[in-house]
């Protein structure tokens, strides 16, 4: 039983030491954890909502729509305030066209497989 207690104590000390190292890294830079996360935020940009794409999009001020250069999806843009855009929703006719083309391509490939 004594050996088990020693082992758990060593594990606990290892976690405490890791925490101290993390705290020391923040203290060396003299910034808080929240401030370090704030530095990674991007204002004026958002990501494409296509789950296979996730490209970062940056509309110009006042734009009503933006098209993803990677996947071709197009979105309506709402401006919460100056320099702070949000995706309002997809441009339906453009996205339906992309979906129809992808579906037709998939059906064509499926017919080829069935024909073999």
N, C-alpha and C. Protein backbone atom coordinates (compact mmCIF):
# COMPACT_ATOMS: atom_id res chain seq x y z
N UNK A 1 0.82 -1.19 0.00
CA UNK A 1 0.00 0.00 0.00
C UNK A 1 0.86 1.25 0.00
N UNK A 2 1.97 1.22 0.66
CA UNK A 2 2.86 2.38 0.70
C UNK A 2 3.38 2.73 -0.69
N UNK A 3 3.71 1.74 -1.50
CA UNK A 3 4.24 2.00 -2.84
C UNK A 3 3.20 2.70 -3.71
N UNK A 4 1.94 2.33 -3.57
CA UNK A 4 0.87 2.95 -4.34
C UNK A 4 0.76 4.43 -3.98
N UNK A 5 0.84 4.75 -2.69
CA UNK A 5 0.75 6.13 -2.26
C UNK A 5 1.90 6.96 -2.82
N UNK A 6 3.09 6.37 -2.85
CA UNK A 6 4.25 7.09 -3.38
C UNK A 6 4.05 7.36 -4.86
N UNK A 7 3.54 6.36 -5.58
CA UNK A 7 3.33 6.51 -7.02
C UNK A 7 2.31 7.62 -7.30
N UNK A 8 1.20 7.65 -6.56
CA UNK A 8 0.21 8.69 -6.76
C UNK A 8 0.77 10.06 -6.41
N UNK A 9 1.58 10.12 -5.40
CA UNK A 9 2.21 11.38 -5.02
C UNK A 9 3.11 11.91 -6.11
N UNK A 10 3.88 11.01 -6.75
CA UNK A 10 4.76 11.43 -7.84
C UNK A 10 3.93 11.95 -9.02
N UNK A 11 2.82 11.28 -9.31
CA UNK A 11 1.95 11.71 -10.40
C UNK A 11 1.39 13.10 -10.11
N UNK A 12 0.95 13.32 -8.88
CA UNK A 12 0.40 14.61 -8.50
C UNK A 12 1.46 15.70 -8.62
N UNK A 13 2.67 15.41 -8.17
CA UNK A 13 3.75 16.40 -8.27
C UNK A 13 4.07 16.72 -9.72
N UNK A 14 3.96 15.72 -10.60
CA UNK A 14 4.19 15.97 -12.02
C UNK A 14 3.17 16.94 -12.59
N UNK A 15 1.90 16.80 -12.19
CA UNK A 15 0.86 17.72 -12.66
C UNK A 15 1.09 19.12 -12.12
N UNK A 16 1.50 19.22 -10.86
CA UNK A 16 1.77 20.52 -10.26
C UNK A 16 2.92 21.20 -11.00
N UNK A 17 3.96 20.45 -11.33
CA UNK A 17 5.10 21.02 -12.03
C UNK A 17 4.71 21.49 -13.43
N UNK A 18 3.85 20.73 -14.12
CA UNK A 18 3.40 21.15 -15.45
C UNK A 18 2.63 22.47 -15.35
N UNK A 19 1.79 22.60 -14.34
CA UNK A 19 1.00 23.81 -14.16
C UNK A 19 1.92 25.00 -13.88
N UNK A 20 2.96 24.78 -13.06
CA UNK A 20 3.90 25.86 -12.77
C UNK A 20 4.63 26.31 -14.03
N UNK A 21 5.01 25.34 -14.87
CA UNK A 21 5.71 25.69 -16.12
C UNK A 21 4.81 26.53 -17.02
N UNK A 22 3.51 26.19 -17.09
CA UNK A 22 2.57 26.94 -17.90
C UNK A 22 2.43 28.36 -17.35
N UNK A 23 2.27 28.48 -16.03
CA UNK A 23 2.13 29.79 -15.41
C UNK A 23 3.38 30.63 -15.63
N UNK A 24 4.53 30.00 -15.57
CA UNK A 24 5.79 30.74 -15.76
C UNK A 24 5.89 31.27 -17.18
N UNK A 25 5.42 30.50 -18.17
CA UNK A 25 5.48 30.94 -19.56
C UNK A 25 4.63 32.20 -19.75
N UNK A 26 3.46 32.24 -19.13
CA UNK A 26 2.61 33.42 -19.25
C UNK A 26 3.23 34.59 -18.50
N UNK A 27 3.83 34.32 -17.33
CA UNK A 27 4.46 35.39 -16.56
C UNK A 27 5.64 35.98 -17.31
N UNK A 28 6.40 35.15 -18.03
CA UNK A 28 7.55 35.65 -18.77
C UNK A 28 7.11 36.62 -19.86
N UNK A 29 5.97 36.34 -20.50
CA UNK A 29 5.46 37.23 -21.54
C UNK A 29 4.66 38.39 -20.96
N UNK A 30 4.34 38.33 -19.67
CA UNK A 30 3.59 39.36 -18.95
C UNK A 30 2.21 39.59 -19.56
N UNK A 31 1.54 38.50 -19.99
CA UNK A 31 0.18 38.60 -20.48
C UNK A 31 -0.67 37.52 -19.82
N UNK A 32 -1.95 37.78 -19.73
CA UNK A 32 -2.86 36.80 -19.15
C UNK A 32 -3.27 35.77 -20.19
N UNK A 33 -3.91 34.72 -19.74
CA UNK A 33 -4.39 33.70 -20.67
C UNK A 33 -5.42 34.28 -21.63
N UNK A 34 -6.30 35.13 -21.14
CA UNK A 34 -7.32 35.75 -21.99
C UNK A 34 -6.67 36.67 -23.02
N UNK A 35 -5.65 37.40 -22.59
CA UNK A 35 -4.97 38.30 -23.52
C UNK A 35 -4.24 37.52 -24.61
N UNK A 36 -3.68 36.38 -24.27
CA UNK A 36 -2.98 35.58 -25.28
C UNK A 36 -3.97 35.02 -26.30
N UNK A 37 -5.20 34.68 -25.86
CA UNK A 37 -6.23 34.23 -26.79
C UNK A 37 -6.76 35.38 -27.65
N UNK A 38 -6.86 36.55 -27.06
CA UNK A 38 -7.35 37.72 -27.78
C UNK A 38 -6.45 38.05 -28.97
N UNK A 39 -5.18 37.78 -28.84
CA UNK A 39 -4.24 38.09 -29.92
C UNK A 39 -4.49 37.23 -31.16
N UNK A 40 -5.14 36.09 -31.01
CA UNK A 40 -5.37 35.20 -32.15
C UNK A 40 -6.70 35.47 -32.84
N UNK A 41 -7.53 36.36 -32.33
CA UNK A 41 -8.82 36.66 -32.95
C UNK A 41 -8.63 37.43 -34.24
N UNK A 42 -9.55 37.22 -35.17
CA UNK A 42 -9.50 37.94 -36.44
C UNK A 42 -10.83 38.67 -36.63
N UNK A 43 -10.80 39.99 -36.64
CA UNK A 43 -11.99 40.79 -36.89
C UNK A 43 -12.05 41.13 -38.36
N UNK A 44 -13.26 41.20 -38.88
CA UNK A 44 -13.44 41.51 -40.29
C UNK A 44 -13.35 40.29 -41.18
N UNK A 45 -13.24 39.09 -40.58
CA UNK A 45 -13.14 37.85 -41.35
C UNK A 45 -14.07 36.82 -40.73
N UNK A 46 -14.45 35.83 -41.53
CA UNK A 46 -15.17 34.67 -41.03
C UNK A 46 -14.83 33.50 -41.92
N UNK A 47 -15.21 32.31 -41.49
CA UNK A 47 -14.88 31.10 -42.25
C UNK A 47 -16.06 30.67 -43.11
N UNK A 48 -15.73 30.05 -44.25
CA UNK A 48 -16.73 29.47 -45.13
C UNK A 48 -17.48 28.39 -44.34
N UNK A 49 -18.79 28.33 -44.53
CA UNK A 49 -19.59 27.37 -43.78
C UNK A 49 -19.65 25.99 -44.43
N UNK A 50 -18.98 25.82 -45.55
CA UNK A 50 -18.90 24.51 -46.17
C UNK A 50 -17.95 23.66 -45.32
N UNK A 51 -18.43 22.55 -44.72
CA UNK A 51 -17.59 21.78 -43.80
C UNK A 51 -16.35 21.18 -44.43
N UNK A 52 -16.34 21.00 -45.74
CA UNK A 52 -15.15 20.45 -46.40
C UNK A 52 -14.17 21.54 -46.80
N UNK A 53 -14.54 22.79 -46.61
CA UNK A 53 -13.70 23.91 -47.06
C UNK A 53 -13.11 24.68 -45.88
N UNK A 54 -13.95 25.41 -45.16
CA UNK A 54 -13.55 26.22 -44.00
C UNK A 54 -12.51 27.29 -44.32
N UNK A 55 -12.52 27.79 -45.53
CA UNK A 55 -11.60 28.86 -45.96
C UNK A 55 -11.95 30.14 -45.21
N UNK A 56 -10.95 30.95 -44.88
CA UNK A 56 -11.19 32.23 -44.21
C UNK A 56 -11.54 33.27 -45.27
N UNK A 57 -12.71 33.91 -45.10
CA UNK A 57 -13.20 34.90 -46.05
C UNK A 57 -13.13 36.29 -45.43
N UNK A 58 -12.78 37.28 -46.24
CA UNK A 58 -12.66 38.66 -45.76
C UNK A 58 -13.39 39.59 -46.73
N UNK A 59 -14.66 39.88 -46.44
CA UNK A 59 -15.39 40.77 -47.35
C UNK A 59 -14.91 42.21 -47.21
N UNK A 60 -15.02 42.94 -48.31
CA UNK A 60 -14.69 44.37 -48.28
C UNK A 60 -15.86 45.12 -47.63
N UNK A 61 -15.58 46.25 -47.03
CA UNK A 61 -16.59 47.01 -46.30
C UNK A 61 -17.78 47.31 -47.20
N UNK A 62 -18.98 46.98 -46.73
CA UNK A 62 -20.21 47.26 -47.45
C UNK A 62 -20.64 46.19 -48.43
N UNK A 63 -19.83 45.15 -48.67
CA UNK A 63 -20.22 44.07 -49.57
C UNK A 63 -21.48 43.38 -49.06
N UNK A 64 -22.39 43.06 -49.98
CA UNK A 64 -23.62 42.36 -49.62
C UNK A 64 -23.45 40.84 -49.73
N UNK A 65 -22.53 40.39 -50.59
CA UNK A 65 -22.27 38.96 -50.76
C UNK A 65 -20.77 38.73 -50.89
N UNK A 66 -20.37 37.48 -50.63
CA UNK A 66 -18.98 37.09 -50.83
C UNK A 66 -18.96 35.65 -51.30
N UNK A 67 -18.06 35.37 -52.24
CA UNK A 67 -17.95 34.04 -52.82
C UNK A 67 -16.63 33.41 -52.36
N UNK A 68 -16.70 32.17 -51.91
CA UNK A 68 -15.49 31.47 -51.46
C UNK A 68 -14.65 31.10 -52.68
N UNK A 69 -13.39 31.49 -52.71
CA UNK A 69 -12.55 31.18 -53.87
C UNK A 69 -12.19 29.69 -53.95
N UNK A 70 -12.30 28.96 -52.86
CA UNK A 70 -11.92 27.55 -52.84
C UNK A 70 -13.05 26.64 -53.32
N UNK A 71 -14.23 26.78 -52.73
CA UNK A 71 -15.32 25.84 -53.04
C UNK A 71 -16.41 26.44 -53.92
N UNK A 72 -16.46 27.76 -54.06
CA UNK A 72 -17.44 28.40 -54.91
C UNK A 72 -18.75 28.76 -54.24
N UNK A 73 -18.92 28.40 -52.96
CA UNK A 73 -20.14 28.74 -52.24
C UNK A 73 -20.20 30.26 -52.08
N UNK A 74 -21.41 30.79 -52.14
CA UNK A 74 -21.59 32.23 -52.02
C UNK A 74 -22.51 32.52 -50.84
N UNK A 75 -22.19 33.54 -50.07
CA UNK A 75 -22.93 33.86 -48.85
C UNK A 75 -23.37 35.32 -48.84
N UNK A 76 -24.52 35.57 -48.21
CA UNK A 76 -24.98 36.93 -47.96
C UNK A 76 -24.28 37.42 -46.70
N UNK A 77 -23.87 38.67 -46.69
CA UNK A 77 -23.11 39.23 -45.57
C UNK A 77 -23.96 40.27 -44.85
N UNK A 78 -24.00 40.19 -43.53
CA UNK A 78 -24.63 41.22 -42.69
C UNK A 78 -23.52 41.91 -41.91
N UNK A 79 -23.65 43.22 -41.77
CA UNK A 79 -22.63 43.99 -41.04
C UNK A 79 -23.20 44.36 -39.67
N UNK A 80 -22.65 43.74 -38.62
CA UNK A 80 -23.07 44.02 -37.25
C UNK A 80 -22.73 45.46 -36.90
N UNK A 81 -21.53 45.85 -37.22
CA UNK A 81 -21.07 47.24 -37.12
C UNK A 81 -19.95 47.40 -38.14
N UNK A 82 -19.44 48.60 -38.28
CA UNK A 82 -18.40 48.85 -39.26
C UNK A 82 -17.18 47.97 -39.00
N UNK A 83 -16.80 47.18 -40.00
CA UNK A 83 -15.64 46.31 -39.87
C UNK A 83 -15.92 44.99 -39.17
N UNK A 84 -17.20 44.67 -38.95
CA UNK A 84 -17.55 43.45 -38.22
C UNK A 84 -18.64 42.68 -38.97
N UNK A 85 -18.24 41.90 -40.00
CA UNK A 85 -19.22 41.17 -40.81
C UNK A 85 -19.60 39.82 -40.21
N UNK A 86 -20.78 39.36 -40.59
CA UNK A 86 -21.24 38.02 -40.22
C UNK A 86 -21.94 37.42 -41.42
N UNK A 87 -21.92 36.09 -41.52
CA UNK A 87 -22.65 35.42 -42.59
C UNK A 87 -24.13 35.44 -42.24
N UNK A 88 -24.92 35.96 -43.17
CA UNK A 88 -26.37 36.02 -42.96
C UNK A 88 -27.02 34.74 -43.46
N UNK A 89 -26.46 34.17 -44.51
CA UNK A 89 -26.99 32.93 -45.07
C UNK A 89 -26.44 32.72 -46.47
N UNK A 90 -26.76 31.59 -47.06
CA UNK A 90 -26.25 31.31 -48.41
C UNK A 90 -27.05 32.06 -49.48
N UNK A 91 -26.42 32.26 -50.63
CA UNK A 91 -27.12 32.75 -51.81
C UNK A 91 -27.67 31.50 -52.47
N UNK A 92 -28.99 31.31 -52.37
CA UNK A 92 -29.59 30.01 -52.68
C UNK A 92 -29.39 29.56 -54.11
N UNK A 93 -29.56 30.42 -55.10
CA UNK A 93 -29.47 29.97 -56.49
C UNK A 93 -28.06 29.51 -56.85
N UNK A 94 -27.05 30.18 -56.34
CA UNK A 94 -25.66 29.79 -56.60
C UNK A 94 -25.35 28.45 -55.93
N UNK A 95 -25.73 28.32 -54.69
CA UNK A 95 -25.45 27.09 -53.95
C UNK A 95 -26.24 25.90 -54.48
N UNK A 96 -27.47 26.14 -54.95
CA UNK A 96 -28.27 25.06 -55.54
C UNK A 96 -27.61 24.58 -56.83
N UNK A 97 -27.07 25.51 -57.62
CA UNK A 97 -26.38 25.15 -58.86
C UNK A 97 -25.16 24.27 -58.56
N UNK A 98 -24.39 24.65 -57.55
CA UNK A 98 -23.20 23.88 -57.16
C UNK A 98 -23.63 22.48 -56.69
N UNK A 99 -24.69 22.42 -55.88
CA UNK A 99 -25.17 21.13 -55.38
C UNK A 99 -25.70 20.25 -56.51
N UNK A 100 -26.43 20.85 -57.46
CA UNK A 100 -26.95 20.08 -58.60
C UNK A 100 -25.82 19.51 -59.46
N UNK A 101 -24.76 20.33 -59.67
CA UNK A 101 -23.62 19.84 -60.45
C UNK A 101 -22.92 18.69 -59.75
N UNK A 102 -22.75 18.81 -58.44
CA UNK A 102 -22.09 17.74 -57.68
C UNK A 102 -22.94 16.47 -57.69
N UNK A 103 -24.27 16.62 -57.59
CA UNK A 103 -25.17 15.46 -57.61
C UNK A 103 -25.12 14.78 -58.98
N UNK A 104 -25.16 15.57 -60.05
CA UNK A 104 -25.11 15.00 -61.40
C UNK A 104 -23.80 14.24 -61.63
N UNK A 105 -22.71 14.79 -61.16
CA UNK A 105 -21.41 14.12 -61.29
C UNK A 105 -21.40 12.79 -60.53
N UNK A 106 -21.95 12.81 -59.33
CA UNK A 106 -21.99 11.59 -58.52
C UNK A 106 -22.87 10.52 -59.17
N UNK A 107 -24.01 10.92 -59.72
CA UNK A 107 -24.91 9.97 -60.38
C UNK A 107 -24.25 9.38 -61.64
N UNK A 108 -23.50 10.21 -62.36
CA UNK A 108 -22.79 9.75 -63.55
C UNK A 108 -21.75 8.69 -63.17
N UNK A 109 -21.02 8.94 -62.11
CA UNK A 109 -20.02 7.97 -61.64
C UNK A 109 -20.69 6.68 -61.18
N UNK A 110 -21.85 6.80 -60.54
CA UNK A 110 -22.57 5.61 -60.07
C UNK A 110 -23.07 4.78 -61.24
N UNK A 111 -23.56 5.43 -62.29
CA UNK A 111 -24.03 4.70 -63.49
C UNK A 111 -22.87 3.96 -64.16
N UNK A 112 -21.67 4.58 -64.17
CA UNK A 112 -20.51 3.92 -64.75
C UNK A 112 -20.17 2.64 -63.98
N UNK A 113 -20.25 2.72 -62.65
CA UNK A 113 -19.95 1.56 -61.82
C UNK A 113 -20.97 0.44 -62.04
N UNK A 114 -22.25 0.79 -62.18
CA UNK A 114 -23.30 -0.20 -62.40
C UNK A 114 -23.20 -0.81 -63.80
N UNK A 115 -22.73 -0.04 -64.75
CA UNK A 115 -22.62 -0.52 -66.12
C UNK A 115 -21.47 -1.50 -66.33
N UNK A 116 -20.50 -1.54 -65.46
CA UNK A 116 -19.33 -2.43 -65.61
C UNK A 116 -19.64 -3.82 -65.28
